[in-house]
PDB file of N, CA and C in Angstrom:
ATOM      1  N   MET A   1      99.124 -10.134  78.399  1.00  0.00           N
ATOM      2  CA  MET A   1      98.610 -10.667  79.636  1.00  0.00           C
ATOM      3  C   MET A   1      99.787 -11.039  80.536  1.00  0.00           C
ATOM      4  N   GLU A   2      99.638 -10.759  81.805  1.00  0.00           N
ATOM      5  CA  GLU A   2     100.717 -11.017  82.756  1.00  0.00           C
ATOM      6  C   GLU A   2     100.895 -12.516  83.008  1.00  0.00           C
ATOM      7  N   LEU A   3     102.120 -12.909  83.253  1.00  0.00           N
ATOM      8  CA  LEU A   3     102.455 -14.308  83.488  1.00  0.00           C
ATOM      9  C   LEU A   3     101.773 -14.837  84.754  1.00  0.00           C
ATOM     10  N   ALA A   4     101.721 -14.030  85.801  1.00  0.00           N
ATOM     11  CA  ALA A   4     101.083 -14.463  87.051  1.00  0.00           C
ATOM     12  C   ALA A   4      99.607 -14.778  86.811  1.00  0.00           C
ATOM     13  N   LEU A   5      98.952 -13.967  86.002  1.00  0.00           N
ATOM     14  CA  LEU A   5      97.543 -14.196  85.700  1.00  0.00           C
ATOM     15  C   LEU A   5      97.355 -15.506  84.936  1.00  0.00           C
ATOM     16  N   LEU A   6      98.235 -15.763  83.992  1.00  0.00           N
ATOM     17  CA  LEU A   6      98.156 -17.019  83.237  1.00  0.00           C
ATOM     18  C   LEU A   6      98.338 -18.232  84.147  1.00  0.00           C
ATOM     19  N   TYR A   7      99.282 -18.154  85.082  1.00  0.00           N
ATOM     20  CA  TYR A   7      99.478 -19.248  86.031  1.00  0.00           C
ATOM     21  C   TYR A   7      98.231 -19.464  86.896  1.00  0.00           C
ATOM     22  N   MET A   8      97.636 -18.372  87.341  1.00  0.00           N
ATOM     23  CA  MET A   8      96.428 -18.482  88.152  1.00  0.00           C
ATOM     24  C   MET A   8      95.291 -19.131  87.353  1.00  0.00           C
ATOM     25  N   ILE A   9      95.140 -18.727  86.108  1.00  0.00           N
ATOM     26  CA  ILE A   9      94.097 -19.293  85.252  1.00  0.00           C
ATOM     27  C   ILE A   9      94.315 -20.785  85.057  1.00  0.00           C
ATOM     28  N   TRP A  10      95.544 -21.173  84.736  1.00  0.00           N
ATOM     29  CA  TRP A  10      95.834 -22.589  84.501  1.00  0.00           C
ATOM     30  C   TRP A  10      95.658 -23.425  85.759  1.00  0.00           C
ATOM     31  N   LEU A  11      96.010 -22.881  86.913  1.00  0.00           N
ATOM     32  CA  LEU A  11      95.792 -23.619  88.155  1.00  0.00           C
ATOM     33  C   LEU A  11      94.309 -23.832  88.424  1.00  0.00           C
ATOM     34  N   ARG A  12      93.488 -22.832  88.148  1.00  0.00           N
ATOM     35  CA  ARG A  12      92.042 -22.966  88.338  1.00  0.00           C
ATOM     36  C   ARG A  12      91.442 -23.952  87.335  1.00  0.00           C
ATOM     37  N   ILE A  13      91.942 -23.949  86.111  1.00  0.00           N
ATOM     38  CA  ILE A  13      91.486 -24.929  85.118  1.00  0.00           C
ATOM     39  C   ILE A  13      91.869 -26.339  85.581  1.00  0.00           C
ATOM     40  N   LEU A  14      93.096 -26.486  86.074  1.00  0.00           N
ATOM     41  CA  LEU A  14      93.548 -27.773  86.602  1.00  0.00           C
ATOM     42  C   LEU A  14      92.670 -28.216  87.766  1.00  0.00           C
ATOM     43  N   SER A  15      92.385 -27.305  88.669  1.00  0.00           N
ATOM     44  CA  SER A  15      91.561 -27.616  89.829  1.00  0.00           C
ATOM     45  C   SER A  15      90.163 -28.062  89.402  1.00  0.00           C
ATOM     46  N   GLY A  16      89.567 -27.343  88.479  1.00  0.00           N
ATOM     47  CA  GLY A  16      88.243 -27.721  87.983  1.00  0.00           C
ATOM     48  C   GLY A  16      88.255 -29.065  87.278  1.00  0.00           C
ATOM     49  N   SER A  17      89.315 -29.319  86.520  1.00  0.00           N
ATOM     50  CA  SER A  17      89.441 -30.602  85.819  1.00  0.00           C
ATOM     51  C   SER A  17      89.574 -31.752  86.806  1.00  0.00           C
ATOM     52  N   ILE A  18      90.315 -31.526  87.870  1.00  0.00           N
ATOM     53  CA  ILE A  18      90.452 -32.558  88.914  1.00  0.00           C
ATOM     54  C   ILE A  18      89.101 -32.825  89.562  1.00  0.00           C
ATOM     55  N   ASP A  19      88.327 -31.768  89.830  1.00  0.00           N
ATOM     56  CA  ASP A  19      86.998 -31.932  90.420  1.00  0.00           C
ATOM     57  C   ASP A  19      86.075 -32.730  89.498  1.00  0.00           C
ATOM     58  N   ILE A  20      86.094 -32.408  88.215  1.00  0.00           N
ATOM     59  CA  ILE A  20      85.248 -33.129  87.257  1.00  0.00           C
ATOM     60  C   ILE A  20      85.680 -34.588  87.160  1.00  0.00           C
ATOM     61  N   ALA A  21      86.990 -34.824  87.107  1.00  0.00           N
ATOM     62  CA  ALA A  21      87.495 -36.197  87.044  1.00  0.00           C
ATOM     63  C   ALA A  21      87.100 -36.975  88.301  1.00  0.00           C
ATOM     64  N   ALA A  22      87.146 -36.323  89.444  1.00  0.00           N
ATOM     65  CA  ALA A  22      86.755 -36.986  90.689  1.00  0.00           C
ATOM     66  C   ALA A  22      85.264 -37.319  90.681  1.00  0.00           C
ATOM     67  N   ALA A  23      84.447 -36.424  90.163  1.00  0.00           N
ATOM     68  CA  ALA A  23      83.007 -36.691  90.081  1.00  0.00           C
ATOM     69  C   ALA A  23      82.735 -37.878  89.162  1.00  0.00           C
ATOM     70  N   LEU A  24      83.433 -37.926  88.038  1.00  0.00           N
ATOM     71  CA  LEU A  24      83.261 -39.060  87.127  1.00  0.00           C
ATOM     72  C   LEU A  24      83.735 -40.364  87.768  1.00  0.00           C
ATOM     73  N   LEU A  25      84.828 -40.289  88.514  1.00  0.00           N
ATOM     74  CA  LEU A  25      85.332 -41.470  89.214  1.00  0.00           C
ATOM     75  C   LEU A  25      84.329 -41.948  90.262  1.00  0.00           C
ATOM     76  N   MET A  26      83.744 -41.017  91.003  1.00  0.00           N
ATOM     77  CA  MET A  26      82.739 -41.387  92.001  1.00  0.00           C
ATOM     78  C   MET A  26      81.544 -42.063  91.321  1.00  0.00           C
ATOM     79  N   TYR A  27      81.147 -41.532  90.183  1.00  0.00           N
ATOM     80  CA  TYR A  27      80.031 -42.128  89.438  1.00  0.00           C
ATOM     81  C   TYR A  27      80.382 -43.542  88.982  1.00  0.00           C
ATOM     82  N   LYS A  28      81.598 -43.704  88.467  1.00  0.00           N
ATOM     83  CA  LYS A  28      82.031 -45.014  87.973  1.00  0.00           C
ATOM     84  C   LYS A  28      82.147 -46.028  89.113  1.00  0.00           C
ATOM     85  N   LEU A  29      82.646 -45.575  90.258  1.00  0.00           N
ATOM     86  CA  LEU A  29      82.790 -46.479  91.391  1.00  0.00           C
ATOM     87  C   LEU A  29      81.432 -46.968  91.889  1.00  0.00           C
ATOM     88  N   GLY A  30      80.448 -46.083  91.897  1.00  0.00           N
ATOM     89  CA  GLY A  30      79.101 -46.459  92.288  1.00  0.00           C
ATOM     90  C   GLY A  30      78.974 -46.968  93.715  1.00  0.00           C
ATOM     91  N   ASN A  31      79.889 -46.548  94.577  1.00  0.00           N
ATOM     92  CA  ASN A  31      79.904 -47.013  95.954  1.00  0.00           C
ATOM     93  C   ASN A  31      80.085 -45.799  96.849  1.00  0.00           C
ATOM     94  N   LEU A  32      79.186 -45.644  97.815  1.00  0.00           N
ATOM     95  CA  LEU A  32      79.213 -44.469  98.677  1.00  0.00           C
ATOM     96  C   LEU A  32      80.510 -44.362  99.464  1.00  0.00           C
ATOM     97  N   GLU A  33      81.006 -45.449  99.996  1.00  0.00           N
ATOM     98  CA  GLU A  33      82.222 -45.409 100.802  1.00  0.00           C
ATOM     99  C   GLU A  33      83.435 -45.004  99.964  1.00  0.00           C
ATOM    100  N   LYS A  34      83.541 -45.577  98.772  1.00  0.00           N
ATOM    101  CA  LYS A  34      84.661 -45.234  97.898  1.00  0.00           C
ATOM    102  C   LYS A  34      84.551 -43.796  97.398  1.00  0.00           C
ATOM    103  N   ALA A  35      83.329 -43.371  97.107  1.00  0.00           N
ATOM    104  CA  ALA A  35      83.110 -41.986  96.674  1.00  0.00           C
ATOM    105  C   ALA A  35      83.482 -41.012  97.785  1.00  0.00           C
ATOM    106  N   PHE A  36      83.208 -41.406  99.018  1.00  0.00           N
ATOM    107  CA  PHE A  36      83.563 -40.576 100.166  1.00  0.00           C
ATOM    108  C   PHE A  36      85.071 -40.401 100.269  1.00  0.00           C
ATOM    109  N   VAL A  37      85.818 -41.472 100.014  1.00  0.00           N
ATOM    110  CA  VAL A  37      87.285 -41.402 100.043  1.00  0.00           C
ATOM    111  C   VAL A  37      87.791 -40.460  98.952  1.00  0.00           C
ATOM    112  N   VAL A  38      87.213 -40.551  97.758  1.00  0.00           N
ATOM    113  CA  VAL A  38      87.608 -39.665  96.656  1.00  0.00           C
ATOM    114  C   VAL A  38      87.305 -38.214  97.031  1.00  0.00           C
ATOM    115  N   ASN A  39      86.125 -37.986  97.582  1.00  0.00           N
ATOM    116  CA  ASN A  39      85.737 -36.632  97.967  1.00  0.00           C
ATOM    117  C   ASN A  39      86.639 -36.081  99.067  1.00  0.00           C
ATOM    118  N   THR A  40      87.021 -36.919 100.001  1.00  0.00           N
ATOM    119  CA  THR A  40      87.905 -36.490 101.085  1.00  0.00           C
ATOM    120  C   THR A  40      89.279 -36.096 100.553  1.00  0.00           C
ATOM    121  N   SER A  41      89.756 -36.825  99.553  1.00  0.00           N
ATOM    122  CA  SER A  41      91.054 -36.465  98.978  1.00  0.00           C
ATOM    123  C   SER A  41      90.987 -35.113  98.268  1.00  0.00           C
ATOM    124  N   LEU A  42      89.816 -34.751  97.762  1.00  0.00           N
ATOM    125  CA  LEU A  42      89.659 -33.430  97.149  1.00  0.00           C
ATOM    126  C   LEU A  42      89.792 -32.309  98.185  1.00  0.00           C
ATOM    127  N   ALA A  43      89.484 -32.633  99.422  1.00  0.00           N
ATOM    128  CA  ALA A  43      89.596 -31.633 100.485  1.00  0.00           C
ATOM    129  C   ALA A  43      91.040 -31.194 100.692  1.00  0.00           C
ATOM    130  N   LEU A  44      91.989 -32.000 100.266  1.00  0.00           N
ATOM    131  CA  LEU A  44      93.402 -31.619 100.353  1.00  0.00           C
ATOM    132  C   LEU A  44      93.813 -30.745  99.171  1.00  0.00           C
ATOM    133  N   ILE A  45      93.268 -31.041  98.020  1.00  0.00           N
ATOM    134  CA  ILE A  45      93.673 -30.339  96.804  1.00  0.00           C
ATOM    135  C   ILE A  45      93.153 -28.906  96.773  1.00  0.00           C
ATOM    136  N   GLY A  46      91.906 -28.702  97.173  1.00  0.00           N
ATOM    137  CA  GLY A  46      91.285 -27.375  97.117  1.00  0.00           C
ATOM    138  C   GLY A  46      92.063 -26.291  97.855  1.00  0.00           C
ATOM    139  N   PRO A  47      92.380 -26.505  99.133  1.00  0.00           N
ATOM    140  CA  PRO A  47      93.133 -25.482  99.864  1.00  0.00           C
ATOM    141  C   PRO A  47      94.535 -25.230  99.293  1.00  0.00           C
ATOM    142  N   ILE A  48      95.157 -26.284  98.787  1.00  0.00           N
ATOM    143  CA  ILE A  48      96.491 -26.109  98.196  1.00  0.00           C
ATOM    144  C   ILE A  48      96.406 -25.205  96.977  1.00  0.00           C
ATOM    145  N   ILE A  49      95.432 -25.451  96.107  1.00  0.00           N
ATOM    146  CA  ILE A  49      95.247 -24.605  94.921  1.00  0.00           C
ATOM    147  C   ILE A  49      94.931 -23.172  95.350  1.00  0.00           C
ATOM    148  N   PHE A  50      94.079 -23.022  96.363  1.00  0.00           N
ATOM    149  CA  PHE A  50      93.713 -21.695  96.867  1.00  0.00           C
ATOM    150  C   PHE A  50      94.947 -20.921  97.347  1.00  0.00           C
ATOM    151  N   ILE A  51      95.773 -21.569  98.140  1.00  0.00           N
ATOM    152  CA  ILE A  51      96.966 -20.905  98.682  1.00  0.00           C
ATOM    153  C   ILE A  51      97.949 -20.555  97.569  1.00  0.00           C
ATOM    154  N   VAL A  52      98.167 -21.487  96.652  1.00  0.00           N
ATOM    155  CA  VAL A  52      99.135 -21.255  95.580  1.00  0.00           C
ATOM    156  C   VAL A  52      98.666 -20.130  94.655  1.00  0.00           C
ATOM    157  N   THR A  53      97.378 -20.153  94.257  1.00  0.00           N
ATOM    158  CA  THR A  53      96.893 -19.091  93.367  1.00  0.00           C
ATOM    159  C   THR A  53      96.918 -17.725  94.055  1.00  0.00           C
ATOM    160  N   THR A  54      96.591 -17.688  95.337  1.00  0.00           N
ATOM    161  CA  THR A  54      96.665 -16.425  96.075  1.00  0.00           C
ATOM    162  C   THR A  54      98.098 -15.932  96.156  1.00  0.00           C
ATOM    163  N   GLY A  55      99.021 -16.835  96.418  1.00  0.00           N
ATOM    164  CA  GLY A  55     100.437 -16.464  96.479  1.00  0.00           C
ATOM    165  C   GLY A  55     100.948 -15.942  95.148  1.00  0.00           C
ATOM    166  N   ILE A  56     100.546 -16.600  94.067  1.00  0.00           N
ATOM    167  CA  ILE A  56     100.957 -16.133  92.733  1.00  0.00           C
ATOM    168  C   ILE A  56     100.383 -14.754  92.454  1.00  0.00           C
ATOM    169  N   GLY A  57      99.121 -14.566  92.794  1.00  0.00           N
ATOM    170  CA  GLY A  57      98.495 -13.259  92.589  1.00  0.00           C
ATOM    171  C   GLY A  57      99.182 -12.156  93.372  1.00  0.00           C
ATOM    172  N   LEU A  58      99.511 -12.456  94.623  1.00  0.00           N
ATOM    173  CA  LEU A  58     100.213 -11.468  95.450  1.00  0.00           C
ATOM    174  C   LEU A  58     101.613 -11.187  94.922  1.00  0.00           C
ATOM    175  N   ALA A  59     102.281 -12.236  94.485  1.00  0.00           N
ATOM    176  CA  ALA A  59     103.624 -12.035  93.938  1.00  0.00           C
ATOM    177  C   ALA A  59     103.564 -11.169  92.686  1.00  0.00           C
ATOM    178  N   GLY A  60     102.521 -11.362  91.886  1.00  0.00           N
ATOM    179  CA  GLY A  60     102.368 -10.554  90.684  1.00  0.00           C
ATOM    180  C   GLY A  60     102.024  -9.108  90.972  1.00  0.00           C
ATOM    181  N   MET A  61     101.435  -8.859  92.155  1.00  0.00           N
ATOM    182  CA  MET A  61     101.052  -7.490  92.521  1.00  0.00           C
ATOM    183  C   MET A  61     101.972  -6.863  93.552  1.00  0.00           C
ATOM    184  N   GLN A  62     103.110  -7.471  93.806  1.00  0.00           N
ATOM    185  CA  GLN A  62     103.966  -7.005  94.896  1.00  0.00           C
ATOM    186  C   GLN A  62     104.407  -5.556  94.743  1.00  0.00           C
ATOM    187  N   ASP A  63     104.517  -5.082  93.525  1.00  0.00           N
ATOM    188  CA  ASP A  63     104.909  -3.681  93.343  1.00  0.00           C
ATOM    189  C   ASP A  63     103.708  -2.738  93.393  1.00  0.00           C
ATOM    190  N   LYS A  64     102.484  -3.295  93.417  1.00  0.00           N
ATOM    191  CA  LYS A  64     101.276  -2.476  93.418  1.00  0.00           C
ATOM    192  C   LYS A  64     100.544  -2.470  94.751  1.00  0.00           C
ATOM    193  N   ILE A  65     100.969  -3.320  95.686  1.00  0.00           N
ATOM    194  CA  ILE A  65     100.275  -3.441  96.967  1.00  0.00           C
ATOM    195  C   ILE A  65     101.290  -3.301  98.103  1.00  0.00           C
ATOM    196  N   SER A  66     100.872  -2.620  99.154  1.00  0.00           N
ATOM    197  CA  SER A  66     101.795  -2.378 100.264  1.00  0.00           C
ATOM    198  C   SER A  66     101.969  -3.636 101.111  1.00  0.00           C
ATOM    199  N   LEU A  67     103.044  -3.651 101.869  1.00  0.00           N
ATOM    200  CA  LEU A  67     103.346  -4.786 102.742  1.00  0.00           C
ATOM    201  C   LEU A  67     102.248  -4.980 103.778  1.00  0.00           C
ATOM    202  N   SER A  68     101.726  -3.891 104.327  1.00  0.00           N
ATOM    203  CA  SER A  68     100.681  -4.019 105.346  1.00  0.00           C
ATOM    204  C   SER A  68      99.406  -4.643 104.757  1.00  0.00           C
ATOM    205  N   LYS A  69      99.071  -4.297 103.526  1.00  0.00           N
ATOM    206  CA  LYS A  69      97.895  -4.891 102.892  1.00  0.00           C
ATOM    207  C   LYS A  69      98.126  -6.374 102.606  1.00  0.00           C
ATOM    208  N   MET A  70      99.355  -6.728 102.229  1.00  0.00           N
ATOM    209  CA  MET A  70      99.682  -8.131 101.998  1.00  0.00           C
ATOM    210  C   MET A  70      99.553  -8.924 103.294  1.00  0.00           C
ATOM    211  N   LEU A  71     100.046  -8.360 104.382  1.00  0.00           N
ATOM    212  CA  LEU A  71      99.943  -9.034 105.676  1.00  0.00           C
ATOM    213  C   LEU A  71      98.486  -9.198 106.098  1.00  0.00           C
ATOM    214  N   CYS A  72      97.668  -8.193 105.837  1.00  0.00           N
ATOM    215  CA  CYS A  72      96.238  -8.295 106.146  1.00  0.00           C
ATOM    216  C   CYS A  72      95.584  -9.407 105.335  1.00  0.00           C
ATOM    217  N   LEU A  73      95.958  -9.498 104.082  1.00  0.00           N
ATOM    218  CA  LEU A  73      95.398 -10.529 103.210  1.00  0.00           C
ATOM    219  C   LEU A  73      95.794 -11.916 103.696  1.00  0.00           C
ATOM    220  N   PHE A  74      97.070 -12.110 104.010  1.00  0.00           N
ATOM    221  CA  PHE A  74      97.509 -13.408 104.512  1.00  0.00           C
ATOM    222  C   PHE A  74      96.876 -13.720 105.864  1.00  0.00           C
ATOM    223  N   SER A  75      96.678 -12.700 106.690  1.00  0.00           N
ATOM    224  CA  SER A  75      96.000 -12.912 107.970  1.00  0.00           C
ATOM    225  C   SER A  75      94.567 -13.377 107.747  1.00  0.00           C
ATOM    226  N   GLY A  76      93.896 -12.792 106.763  1.00  0.00           N
ATOM    227  CA  GLY A  76      92.534 -13.200 106.432  1.00  0.00           C
ATOM    228  C   GLY A  76      92.483 -14.650 105.974  1.00  0.00           C
ATOM    229  N   ILE A  77      93.432 -15.037 105.152  1.00  0.00           N
ATOM    230  CA  ILE A  77      93.500 -16.421 104.681  1.00  0.00           C
ATOM    231  C   ILE A  77      93.739 -17.361 105.857  1.00  0.00           C
ATOM    232  N   LEU A  78      94.639 -16.974 106.733  1.00  0.00           N
ATOM    233  CA  LEU A  78      94.918 -17.777 107.924  1.00  0.00           C
ATOM    234  C   LEU A  78      93.661 -17.914 108.788  1.00  0.00           C
ATOM    235  N   LEU A  79      92.919 -16.836 108.952  1.00  0.00           N
ATOM    236  CA  LEU A  79      91.690 -16.891 109.745  1.00  0.00           C
ATOM    237  C   LEU A  79      90.648 -17.800 109.105  1.00  0.00           C
ATOM    238  N   ILE A  80      90.585 -17.831 107.782  1.00  0.00           N
ATOM    239  CA  ILE A  80      89.664 -18.734 107.096  1.00  0.00           C
ATOM    240  C   ILE A  80      89.998 -20.177 107.461  1.00  0.00           C
ATOM    241  N   PHE A  81      91.280 -20.526 107.387  1.00  0.00           N
ATOM    242  CA  PHE A  81      91.665 -21.898 107.693  1.00  0.00           C
ATOM    243  C   PHE A  81      91.465 -22.232 109.169  1.00  0.00           C
ATOM    244  N   ILE A  82      91.714 -21.274 110.056  1.00  0.00           N
ATOM    245  CA  ILE A  82      91.481 -21.514 111.484  1.00  0.00           C
ATOM    246  C   ILE A  82      90.002 -21.726 111.741  1.00  0.00           C
ATOM    247  N   SER A  83      89.150 -20.926 111.116  1.00  0.00           N
ATOM    248  CA  SER A  83      87.711 -21.068 111.343  1.00  0.00           C
ATOM    249  C   SER A  83      87.187 -22.392 110.792  1.00  0.00           C
ATOM    250  N   LEU A  84      87.791 -22.922 109.756  1.00  0.00           N
ATOM    251  CA  LEU A  84      87.355 -24.204 109.216  1.00  0.00           C
ATOM    252  C   LEU A  84      87.722 -25.360 110.128  1.00  0.00           C
ATOM    253  N   ARG A  85      88.769 -25.197 110.903  1.00  0.00           N
ATOM    254  CA  ARG A  85      89.234 -26.270 111.783  1.00  0.00           C
ATOM    255  C   ARG A  85      88.484 -26.284 113.121  1.00  0.00           C
ATOM    256  N   MET A  86      87.877 -25.155 113.497  1.00  0.00           N
ATOM    257  CA  MET A  86      87.175 -25.080 114.783  1.00  0.00           C
ATOM    258  C   MET A  86      85.815 -25.756 114.673  1.00  0.00           C
ATOM    259  N   LYS A  87      85.395 -26.334 115.773  1.00  0.00           N
ATOM    260  CA  LYS A  87      84.090 -27.011 115.787  1.00  0.00           C
ATOM    261  C   LYS A  87      83.063 -26.177 116.498  1.00  0.00           C
TER     262      LYS A  87
END
C-alpha cells in the first residue's frame, strides 16, 4: 500500500475521531451555546483536513496526473471554498 494512501486514511480516521469526540463533548456539556462553540470550532478542522488529504493524494499521484489536471482540481477546490463564503 502506498504511503500517501496510508496518510490519507489516518487523517480521515483522525478527523472522524475528532467529530465523535466533539459530539460526546456537546452531549456532556448539555448546553446549546457551548455546543454551538464546539461545533463552530469543527468548522475550522474540516476544511483543513480536506485540503491536506487532497494535497497528499495529489502529491502521491504527481507522476500519474498532468499539471493541467492538477490545476483544474485545485481550481475546483478553490471554487468550493469561494462558494461557501458567498451569501
